[in-house]
Amino acid sequence: MSDEPIEPAGGTPLVTVENERRRRHPALIVLRGVLEWAKSLSLALLLFFVVKTFFVEPFKIPSGSMQSTLLRGDFLFVNKLVYGAEVPFTGKRLPAVRRPRYRDVVVFQFPVDATKNFVKRLVGLAGDTLAMRNGVLIRNGVRQKEPYVTRSAPYGDVGAEDFVWQRNFLVRRLTAASSYHPSRDNWGPITVPPHHLFMLGDNRDDSLDSRYWGFVPDSLVRGEPMIVYYSYAPDSNVPFDWITRIRWRRLGERVK
């Protein structure tokens, strides 16, 4: 008797015993499981890449330059869509929701080494005139009240060769440049050029920022921190400090 499959009235052949055995073979079951797992993993990785590239990216704070707004050991979610995320390998950006604003906390690529990311507060937009007198920021001739600023060493004002770049941007620089001797807490007035930004750390006495290495091209802006999703107090002398020294009160705190 022939082992041909019998066709039911609907026209669909019934599965033979042999085909059913093949379908349930352990090797095929494992192979199908691996393929399903690989497909799910690929989709998850693709989704992660899209979200990380265009929407939200996690960052860690490695220093105290933004204390007490951001602490060393804070982990942030950064909104990359707000300023227009960069499209990989094209050099182009998506349309921005808005442009960076005065006093925004901003994540950007370090102008001296674009492989590094910095986070600072934006205190000068293109066309602004900036100066500092005894540690007080002066923007467009107006002394600024900055409640977020921390002074960890207010009496340690020092000058350095790092500040010499400012001479090329001085107001009335032809008469002032030769006698210009800027320091950490006393410099300017300087003018922010087009398509550039001026960034300062909130911990003004312990921050490597625009005072030292200059303006930030607006093309290097990456995003705006939204919330602290995890935080701990690093201490190399404490085992598992990332678990035992969690700052519970900071979890979910908005960055502003």
C-alpha atoms as a PDB file:
ATOM      1  CA  MET A   1       0.000   0.000   0.000  1.00  0.00           C
ATOM      2  CA  SER A   2       1.292   3.381  -0.945  1.00  0.00           C
ATOM      3  CA  ASP A   3       2.475   5.743   1.788  1.00  0.00           C
ATOM      4  CA  GLU A   4       1.187   8.775  -0.126  1.00  0.00           C
ATOM      5  CA  PRO A   5      -0.356  11.469   2.097  1.00  0.00           C
ATOM      6  CA  ILE A   6      -4.117  11.535   2.013  1.00  0.00           C
ATOM      7  CA  GLU A   7      -5.645  14.788   0.902  1.00  0.00           C
ATOM      8  CA  PRO A   8      -8.651  15.898   2.951  1.00  0.00           C
ATOM      9  CA  ALA A   9     -11.662  17.570   1.418  1.00  0.00           C
ATOM     10  CA  GLY A  10     -10.041  20.991   1.787  1.00  0.00           C
ATOM     11  CA  GLY A  11      -7.150  19.983  -0.438  1.00  0.00           C
ATOM     12  CA  THR A  12      -4.359  20.254   2.217  1.00  0.00           C
ATOM     13  CA  PRO A  13      -2.242  17.063   2.519  1.00  0.00           C
ATOM     14  CA  LEU A  14      -2.006  15.472   5.945  1.00  0.00           C
ATOM     15  CA  VAL A  15       1.448  15.282   7.552  1.00  0.00           C
ATOM     16  CA  THR A  16       2.894  11.786   7.360  1.00  0.00           C
ATOM     17  CA  VAL A  17       4.276  10.009  10.395  1.00  0.00           C
ATOM     18  CA  GLU A  18       7.771  10.215   8.894  1.00  0.00           C
ATOM     19  CA  ASN A  19       7.537  13.990   8.311  1.00  0.00           C
ATOM     20  CA  GLU A  20       6.247  14.461  11.849  1.00  0.00           C
ATOM     21  CA  ARG A  21       9.209  12.521  13.203  1.00  0.00           C
ATOM     22  CA  ARG A  22      11.607  14.690  11.228  1.00  0.00           C
ATOM     23  CA  ARG A  23       9.909  17.864  12.465  1.00  0.00           C
ATOM     24  CA  ARG A  24      10.318  16.760  16.065  1.00  0.00           C
ATOM     25  CA  HIS A  25      13.939  15.641  15.711  1.00  0.00           C
ATOM     26  CA  PRO A  26      15.939  17.086  18.672  1.00  0.00           C
ATOM     27  CA  ALA A  27      18.584  18.596  16.402  1.00  0.00           C
ATOM     28  CA  LEU A  28      15.966  20.460  14.372  1.00  0.00           C
ATOM     29  CA  ILE A  29      14.233  21.675  17.532  1.00  0.00           C
ATOM     30  CA  VAL A  30      17.541  23.038  18.837  1.00  0.00           C
ATOM     31  CA  LEU A  31      18.347  24.615  15.460  1.00  0.00           C
ATOM     32  CA  ARG A  32      14.951  26.337  15.322  1.00  0.00           C
ATOM     33  CA  GLY A  33      15.454  27.571  18.882  1.00  0.00           C
ATOM     34  CA  VAL A  34      18.884  28.976  18.033  1.00  0.00           C
ATOM     35  CA  LEU A  35      17.532  30.723  14.944  1.00  0.00           C
ATOM     36  CA  GLU A  36      14.646  32.255  16.910  1.00  0.00           C
ATOM     37  CA  TRP A  37      17.069  33.368  19.629  1.00  0.00           C
ATOM     38  CA  ALA A  38      19.428  34.886  17.045  1.00  0.00           C
ATOM     39  CA  LYS A  39      16.533  36.725  15.381  1.00  0.00           C
ATOM     40  CA  SER A  40      15.322  38.108  18.703  1.00  0.00           C
ATOM     41  CA  LEU A  41      18.853  39.148  19.679  1.00  0.00           C
ATOM     42  CA  SER A  42      19.417  40.863  16.314  1.00  0.00           C
ATOM     43  CA  LEU A  43      16.185  42.812  16.651  1.00  0.00           C
ATOM     44  CA  ALA A  44      17.075  43.784  20.227  1.00  0.00           C
ATOM     45  CA  LEU A  45      20.557  44.946  19.181  1.00  0.00           C
ATOM     46  CA  LEU A  46      19.120  46.906  16.264  1.00  0.00           C
ATOM     47  CA  LEU A  47      16.589  48.579  18.544  1.00  0.00           C
ATOM     48  CA  PHE A  48      19.320  49.380  21.098  1.00  0.00           C
ATOM     49  CA  PHE A  49      21.526  50.882  18.359  1.00  0.00           C
ATOM     50  CA  VAL A  50      18.689  53.059  17.043  1.00  0.00           C
ATOM     51  CA  VAL A  51      17.704  54.283  20.513  1.00  0.00           C
ATOM     52  CA  LYS A  52      21.338  54.936  21.534  1.00  0.00           C
ATOM     53  CA  THR A  53      22.166  56.711  18.280  1.00  0.00           C
ATOM     54  CA  PHE A  54      19.122  58.919  17.843  1.00  0.00           C
ATOM     55  CA  PHE A  55      17.225  59.153  21.133  1.00  0.00           C
ATOM     56  CA  VAL A  56      18.808  58.388  24.512  1.00  0.00           C
ATOM     57  CA  GLU A  57      22.341  57.377  25.499  1.00  0.00           C
ATOM     58  CA  PRO A  58      23.727  56.542  28.964  1.00  0.00           C
ATOM     59  CA  PHE A  59      26.759  58.448  30.257  1.00  0.00           C
ATOM     60  CA  LYS A  60      28.831  58.243  33.442  1.00  0.00           C
ATOM     61  CA  ILE A  61      30.263  61.245  35.329  1.00  0.00           C
ATOM     62  CA  PRO A  62      33.977  60.561  36.014  1.00  0.00           C
ATOM     63  CA  SER A  63      34.963  63.820  37.765  1.00  0.00           C
ATOM     64  CA  GLY A  64      33.713  66.506  40.152  1.00  0.00           C
ATOM     65  CA  SER A  65      33.814  69.410  37.673  1.00  0.00           C
ATOM     66  CA  MET A  66      30.013  69.787  37.754  1.00  0.00           C
ATOM     67  CA  GLN A  67      29.544  69.360  41.494  1.00  0.00           C
ATOM     68  CA  SER A  68      27.041  69.707  43.049  1.00  0.00           C
ATOM     69  CA  THR A  69      24.733  69.553  40.005  1.00  0.00           C
ATOM     70  CA  LEU A  70      26.348  66.290  38.927  1.00  0.00           C
ATOM     71  CA  LEU A  71      28.506  64.088  41.140  1.00  0.00           C
ATOM     72  CA  ARG A  72      31.332  61.724  40.338  1.00  0.00           C
ATOM     73  CA  GLY A  73      29.675  58.332  40.062  1.00  0.00           C
ATOM     74  CA  ASP A  74      26.415  59.618  38.587  1.00  0.00           C
ATOM     75  CA  PHE A  75      24.995  57.734  35.602  1.00  0.00           C
ATOM     76  CA  LEU A  76      22.842  59.817  33.265  1.00  0.00           C
ATOM     77  CA  PHE A  77      20.362  59.338  30.480  1.00  0.00           C
ATOM     78  CA  VAL A  78      21.142  61.959  27.826  1.00  0.00           C
ATOM     79  CA  ASN A  79      18.526  63.202  25.360  1.00  0.00           C
ATOM     80  CA  LYS A  80      20.256  63.228  21.945  1.00  0.00           C
ATOM     81  CA  LEU A  81      17.158  64.117  19.951  1.00  0.00           C
ATOM     82  CA  VAL A  82      16.700  67.588  21.475  1.00  0.00           C
ATOM     83  CA  TYR A  83      19.688  69.165  19.656  1.00  0.00           C
ATOM     84  CA  GLY A  84      19.465  66.952  16.564  1.00  0.00           C
ATOM     85  CA  ALA A  85      21.226  63.581  16.727  1.00  0.00           C
ATOM     86  CA  GLU A  86      24.051  62.927  14.290  1.00  0.00           C
ATOM     87  CA  VAL A  87      23.385  60.356  11.571  1.00  0.00           C
ATOM     88  CA  PRO A  88      26.310  57.871  11.626  1.00  0.00           C
ATOM     89  CA  PHE A  89      28.837  57.988   8.779  1.00  0.00           C
ATOM     90  CA  THR A  90      27.135  60.953   7.071  1.00  0.00           C
ATOM     91  CA  GLY A  91      28.294  64.008   9.007  1.00  0.00           C
ATOM     92  CA  LYS A  92      24.667  65.196   8.974  1.00  0.00           C
ATOM     93  CA  ARG A  93      22.214  65.708  11.830  1.00  0.00           C
ATOM     94  CA  LEU A  94      18.517  65.181  12.308  1.00  0.00           C
ATOM     95  CA  PRO A  95      16.393  68.332  12.703  1.00  0.00           C
ATOM     96  CA  ALA A  96      16.743  69.709  16.228  1.00  0.00           C
ATOM     97  CA  VAL A  97      13.800  70.121  18.574  1.00  0.00           C
ATOM     98  CA  ARG A  98      15.474  73.326  19.741  1.00  0.00           C
ATOM     99  CA  ARG A  99      18.886  74.969  19.844  1.00  0.00           C
ATOM    100  CA  PRO A 100      21.095  74.945  22.968  1.00  0.00           C
ATOM    101  CA  ARG A 101      20.038  77.662  25.408  1.00  0.00           C
ATOM    102  CA  TYR A 102      21.870  79.733  27.973  1.00  0.00           C
ATOM    103  CA  ARG A 103      22.392  77.741  31.197  1.00  0.00           C
ATOM    104  CA  ASP A 104      21.622  74.360  29.616  1.00  0.00           C
ATOM    105  CA  VAL A 105      23.702  71.464  30.945  1.00  0.00           C
ATOM    106  CA  VAL A 106      25.189  70.013  27.753  1.00  0.00           C
ATOM    107  CA  VAL A 107      27.096  66.887  26.742  1.00  0.00           C
ATOM    108  CA  PHE A 108      29.553  67.565  23.923  1.00  0.00           C
ATOM    109  CA  GLN A 109      32.654  66.170  22.278  1.00  0.00           C
ATOM    110  CA  PHE A 110      35.882  67.612  23.660  1.00  0.00           C
ATOM    111  CA  PRO A 111      37.242  70.022  21.001  1.00  0.00           C
ATOM    112  CA  VAL A 112      40.836  68.941  21.680  1.00  0.00           C
ATOM    113  CA  ASP A 113      40.016  65.217  21.403  1.00  0.00           C
ATOM    114  CA  ALA A 114      36.650  64.364  19.832  1.00  0.00           C
ATOM    115  CA  THR A 115      36.833  60.778  21.142  1.00  0.00           C
ATOM    116  CA  LYS A 116      36.093  62.119  24.643  1.00  0.00           C
ATOM    117  CA  ASN A 117      32.764  63.446  25.901  1.00  0.00           C
ATOM    118  CA  PHE A 118      32.486  66.322  28.375  1.00  0.00           C
ATOM    119  CA  VAL A 119      29.503  67.695  30.275  1.00  0.00           C
ATOM    120  CA  LYS A 120      29.410  71.387  31.281  1.00  0.00           C
ATOM    121  CA  ARG A 121      26.993  74.272  31.600  1.00  0.00           C
ATOM    122  CA  LEU A 122      26.475  76.532  28.591  1.00  0.00           C
ATOM    123  CA  VAL A 123      27.154  80.129  29.721  1.00  0.00           C
ATOM    124  CA  GLY A 124      27.906  81.849  26.405  1.00  0.00           C
ATOM    125  CA  LEU A 125      26.148  81.779  23.027  1.00  0.00           C
ATOM    126  CA  ALA A 126      27.492  83.087  19.720  1.00  0.00           C
ATOM    127  CA  GLY A 127      27.761  86.889  19.889  1.00  0.00           C
ATOM    128  CA  ASP A 128      27.812  87.068  23.700  1.00  0.00           C
ATOM    129  CA  THR A 129      30.478  89.096  25.476  1.00  0.00           C
ATOM    130  CA  LEU A 130      31.838  87.277  28.529  1.00  0.00           C
ATOM    131  CA  ALA A 131      34.133  88.177  31.389  1.00  0.00           C
ATOM    132  CA  MET A 132      34.842  87.090  34.930  1.00  0.00           C
ATOM    133  CA  ARG A 133      35.758  89.293  37.869  1.00  0.00           C
ATOM    134  CA  ASN A 134      36.800  87.652  41.137  1.00  0.00           C
ATOM    135  CA  GLY A 135      35.001  84.497  40.108  1.00  0.00           C
ATOM    136  CA  VAL A 136      31.728  86.196  39.154  1.00  0.00           C
ATOM    137  CA  LEU A 137      30.588  85.648  35.555  1.00  0.00           C
ATOM    138  CA  ILE A 138      29.647  88.767  33.583  1.00  0.00           C
ATOM    139  CA  ARG A 139      27.525  88.198  30.473  1.00  0.00           C
ATOM    140  CA  ASN A 140      26.862  91.089  28.093  1.00  0.00           C
ATOM    141  CA  GLY A 141      27.797  93.524  30.848  1.00  0.00           C
ATOM    142  CA  VAL A 142      25.498  91.994  33.491  1.00  0.00           C
ATOM    143  CA  ARG A 143      26.815  90.163  36.572  1.00  0.00           C
ATOM    144  CA  GLN A 144      25.187  86.745  36.665  1.00  0.00           C
ATOM    145  CA  LYS A 145      23.544  85.118  39.679  1.00  0.00           C
ATOM    146  CA  GLU A 146      24.379  81.420  39.444  1.00  0.00           C
ATOM    147  CA  PRO A 147      22.901  79.462  42.361  1.00  0.00           C
ATOM    148  CA  TYR A 148      24.244  76.179  40.951  1.00  0.00           C
ATOM    149  CA  VAL A 149      27.909  77.259  41.223  1.00  0.00           C
ATOM    150  CA  THR A 150      30.210  75.607  43.797  1.00  0.00           C
ATOM    151  CA  ARG A 151      33.478  77.205  44.974  1.00  0.00           C
ATOM    152  CA  SER A 152      35.825  74.553  46.348  1.00  0.00           C
ATOM    153  CA  ALA A 153      38.995  76.726  46.394  1.00  0.00           C
ATOM    154  CA  PRO A 154      37.915  80.385  46.106  1.00  0.00           C
ATOM    155  CA  TYR A 155      41.327  81.738  47.121  1.00  0.00           C
ATOM    156  CA  GLY A 156      43.384  79.733  44.642  1.00  0.00           C
ATOM    157  CA  ASP A 157      43.158  82.071  41.639  1.00  0.00           C
ATOM    158  CA  VAL A 158      46.113  81.428  39.324  1.00  0.00           C
ATOM    159  CA  GLY A 159      47.162  82.449  35.837  1.00  0.00           C
ATOM    160  CA  ALA A 160      48.416  80.014  33.212  1.00  0.00           C
ATOM    161  CA  GLU A 161      49.628  79.864  29.628  1.00  0.00           C
ATOM    162  CA  ASP A 162      46.434  77.957  28.856  1.00  0.00           C
ATOM    163  CA  PHE A 163      44.515  81.260  28.942  1.00  0.00           C
ATOM    164  CA  VAL A 164      46.605  83.016  26.287  1.00  0.00           C
ATOM    165  CA  TRP A 165      44.254  81.912  23.468  1.00  0.00           C
ATOM    166  CA  GLN A 166      41.729  84.471  24.768  1.00  0.00           C
ATOM    167  CA  ARG A 167      43.783  87.393  23.413  1.00  0.00           C
ATOM    168  CA  ASN A 168      42.496  86.763  19.877  1.00  0.00           C
ATOM    169  CA  PHE A 169      38.897  87.252  21.034  1.00  0.00           C
ATOM    170  CA  LEU A 170      39.278  90.234  23.336  1.00  0.00           C
ATOM    171  CA  VAL A 171      36.995  93.217  22.986  1.00  0.00           C
ATOM    172  CA  ARG A 172      39.241  96.070  21.738  1.00  0.00           C
ATOM    173  CA  ARG A 173      42.042  93.521  21.486  1.00  0.00           C
ATOM    174  CA  LEU A 174      44.481  95.794  19.604  1.00  0.00           C
ATOM    175  CA  THR A 175      44.900  97.991  22.665  1.00  0.00           C
ATOM    176  CA  ALA A 176      44.357  95.385  25.342  1.00  0.00           C
ATOM    177  CA  ALA A 177      46.152  92.235  24.174  1.00  0.00           C
ATOM    178  CA  SER A 178      49.664  93.268  25.110  1.00  0.00           C
ATOM    179  CA  SER A 179      48.710  93.914  28.742  1.00  0.00           C
ATOM    180  CA  TYR A 180      46.242  91.041  29.059  1.00  0.00           C
ATOM    181  CA  HIS A 181      47.127  88.591  31.838  1.00  0.00           C
ATOM    182  CA  PRO A 182      44.079  86.393  32.481  1.00  0.00           C
ATOM    183  CA  SER A 183      43.649  83.982  35.367  1.00  0.00           C
ATOM    184  CA  ARG A 184      41.094  81.395  36.451  1.00  0.00           C
ATOM    185  CA  ASP A 185      38.824  83.947  38.156  1.00  0.00           C
ATOM    186  CA  ASN A 186      39.681  87.126  36.220  1.00  0.00           C
ATOM    187  CA  TRP A 187      39.551  87.258  32.426  1.00  0.00           C
ATOM    188  CA  GLY A 188      37.835  88.896  29.463  1.00  0.00           C
ATOM    189  CA  PRO A 189      35.845  90.527  28.116  1.00  0.00           C
ATOM    190  CA  ILE A 190      35.911  88.179  25.139  1.00  0.00           C
ATOM    191  CA  THR A 191      33.336  87.678  22.366  1.00  0.00           C
ATOM    192  CA  VAL A 192      31.977  84.251  21.432  1.00  0.00           C
ATOM    193  CA  PRO A 193      32.374  83.768  17.641  1.00  0.00           C
ATOM    194  CA  PRO A 194      29.591  82.521  15.329  1.00  0.00           C
ATOM    195  CA  HIS A 195      28.631  78.822  15.567  1.00  0.00           C
ATOM    196  CA  HIS A 196      30.483  78.411  18.865  1.00  0.00           C
ATOM    197  CA  LEU A 197      29.577  78.050  22.543  1.00  0.00           C
ATOM    198  CA  PHE A 198      31.343  78.796  25.843  1.00  0.00           C
ATOM    199  CA  MET A 199      31.143  76.130  28.554  1.00  0.00           C
ATOM    200  CA  LEU A 200      31.961  76.278  32.274  1.00  0.00           C
ATOM    201  CA  GLY A 201      31.837  73.642  34.992  1.00  0.00           C
ATOM    202  CA  ASP A 202      29.615  74.378  37.982  1.00  0.00           C
ATOM    203  CA  ASN A 203      32.564  73.621  40.256  1.00  0.00           C
ATOM    204  CA  ARG A 204      34.356  76.736  39.051  1.00  0.00           C
ATOM    205  CA  ASP A 205      37.565  76.127  41.008  1.00  0.00           C
ATOM    206  CA  ASP A 206      38.081  72.572  39.776  1.00  0.00           C
ATOM    207  CA  SER A 207      36.905  72.402  36.181  1.00  0.00           C
ATOM    208  CA  LEU A 208      38.824  72.066  32.943  1.00  0.00           C
ATOM    209  CA  ASP A 209      36.533  74.081  30.668  1.00  0.00           C
ATOM    210  CA  SER A 210      36.338  76.794  28.004  1.00  0.00           C
ATOM    211  CA  ARG A 211      38.507  79.145  30.064  1.00  0.00           C
ATOM    212  CA  TYR A 212      41.417  76.808  29.361  1.00  0.00           C
ATOM    213  CA  TRP A 213      40.859  75.268  25.918  1.00  0.00           C
ATOM    214  CA  GLY A 214      38.488  77.689  24.202  1.00  0.00           C
ATOM    215  CA  PHE A 215      35.108  77.687  22.521  1.00  0.00           C
ATOM    216  CA  VAL A 216      33.089  74.610  21.562  1.00  0.00           C
ATOM    217  CA  PRO A 217      31.870  74.386  17.943  1.00  0.00           C
ATOM    218  CA  ASP A 218      28.106  73.866  18.057  1.00  0.00           C
ATOM    219  CA  SER A 219      28.576  70.873  15.728  1.00  0.00           C
ATOM    220  CA  LEU A 220      30.148  68.977  18.665  1.00  0.00           C
ATOM    221  CA  VAL A 221      27.058  69.180  20.868  1.00  0.00           C
ATOM    222  CA  ARG A 222      25.676  65.686  21.577  1.00  0.00           C
ATOM    223  CA  GLY A 223      22.743  66.081  23.908  1.00  0.00           C
ATOM    224  CA  GLU A 224      21.166  67.254  27.143  1.00  0.00           C
ATOM    225  CA  PRO A 225      21.224  65.174  30.360  1.00  0.00           C
ATOM    226  CA  MET A 226      17.716  64.301  31.555  1.00  0.00           C
ATOM    227  CA  ILE A 227      17.862  62.224  34.738  1.00  0.00           C
ATOM    228  CA  VAL A 228      20.278  60.416  37.048  1.00  0.00           C
ATOM    229  CA  TYR A 229      19.274  56.757  36.683  1.00  0.00           C
ATOM    230  CA  TYR A 230      21.982  55.413  39.009  1.00  0.00           C
ATOM    231  CA  SER A 231      24.536  56.924  41.375  1.00  0.00           C
ATOM    232  CA  TYR A 232      27.123  55.743  43.878  1.00  0.00           C
ATOM    233  CA  ALA A 233      29.992  57.315  45.826  1.00  0.00           C
ATOM    234  CA  PRO A 234      33.211  55.828  44.390  1.00  0.00           C
ATOM    235  CA  ASP A 235      35.758  54.669  46.964  1.00  0.00           C
ATOM    236  CA  SER A 236      38.596  52.396  45.883  1.00  0.00           C
ATOM    237  CA  ASN A 237      39.103  51.282  49.508  1.00  0.00           C
ATOM    238  CA  VAL A 238      35.584  49.881  49.797  1.00  0.00           C
ATOM    239  CA  PRO A 239      34.835  46.496  48.148  1.00  0.00           C
ATOM    240  CA  PHE A 240      31.908  46.566  45.743  1.00  0.00           C
ATOM    241  CA  ASP A 241      31.448  50.301  46.292  1.00  0.00           C
ATOM    242  CA  TRP A 242      29.087  50.421  43.305  1.00  0.00           C
ATOM    243  CA  ILE A 243      26.639  48.350  45.381  1.00  0.00           C
ATOM    244  CA  THR A 244      27.448  49.295  48.989  1.00  0.00           C
ATOM    245  CA  ARG A 245      27.673  53.083  48.433  1.00  0.00           C
ATOM    246  CA  ILE A 246      24.578  53.764  46.325  1.00  0.00           C
ATOM    247  CA  ARG A 247      23.184  57.299  46.584  1.00  0.00           C
ATOM    248  CA  TRP A 248      19.541  56.288  46.790  1.00  0.00           C
ATOM    249  CA  ARG A 249      18.204  59.836  46.958  1.00  0.00           C
ATOM    250  CA  ARG A 250      19.748  60.723  43.613  1.00  0.00           C
ATOM    251  CA  LEU A 251      18.095  57.925  41.661  1.00  0.00           C
ATOM    252  CA  GLY A 252      15.601  59.419  39.223  1.00  0.00           C
ATOM    253  CA  GLU A 253      16.688  63.004  39.958  1.00  0.00           C
ATOM    254  CA  ARG A 254      16.266  65.457  37.082  1.00  0.00           C
ATOM    255  CA  VAL A 255      19.320  67.350  35.830  1.00  0.00           C
ATOM    256  CA  LYS A 256      18.863  71.133  35.788  1.00  0.00           C
END
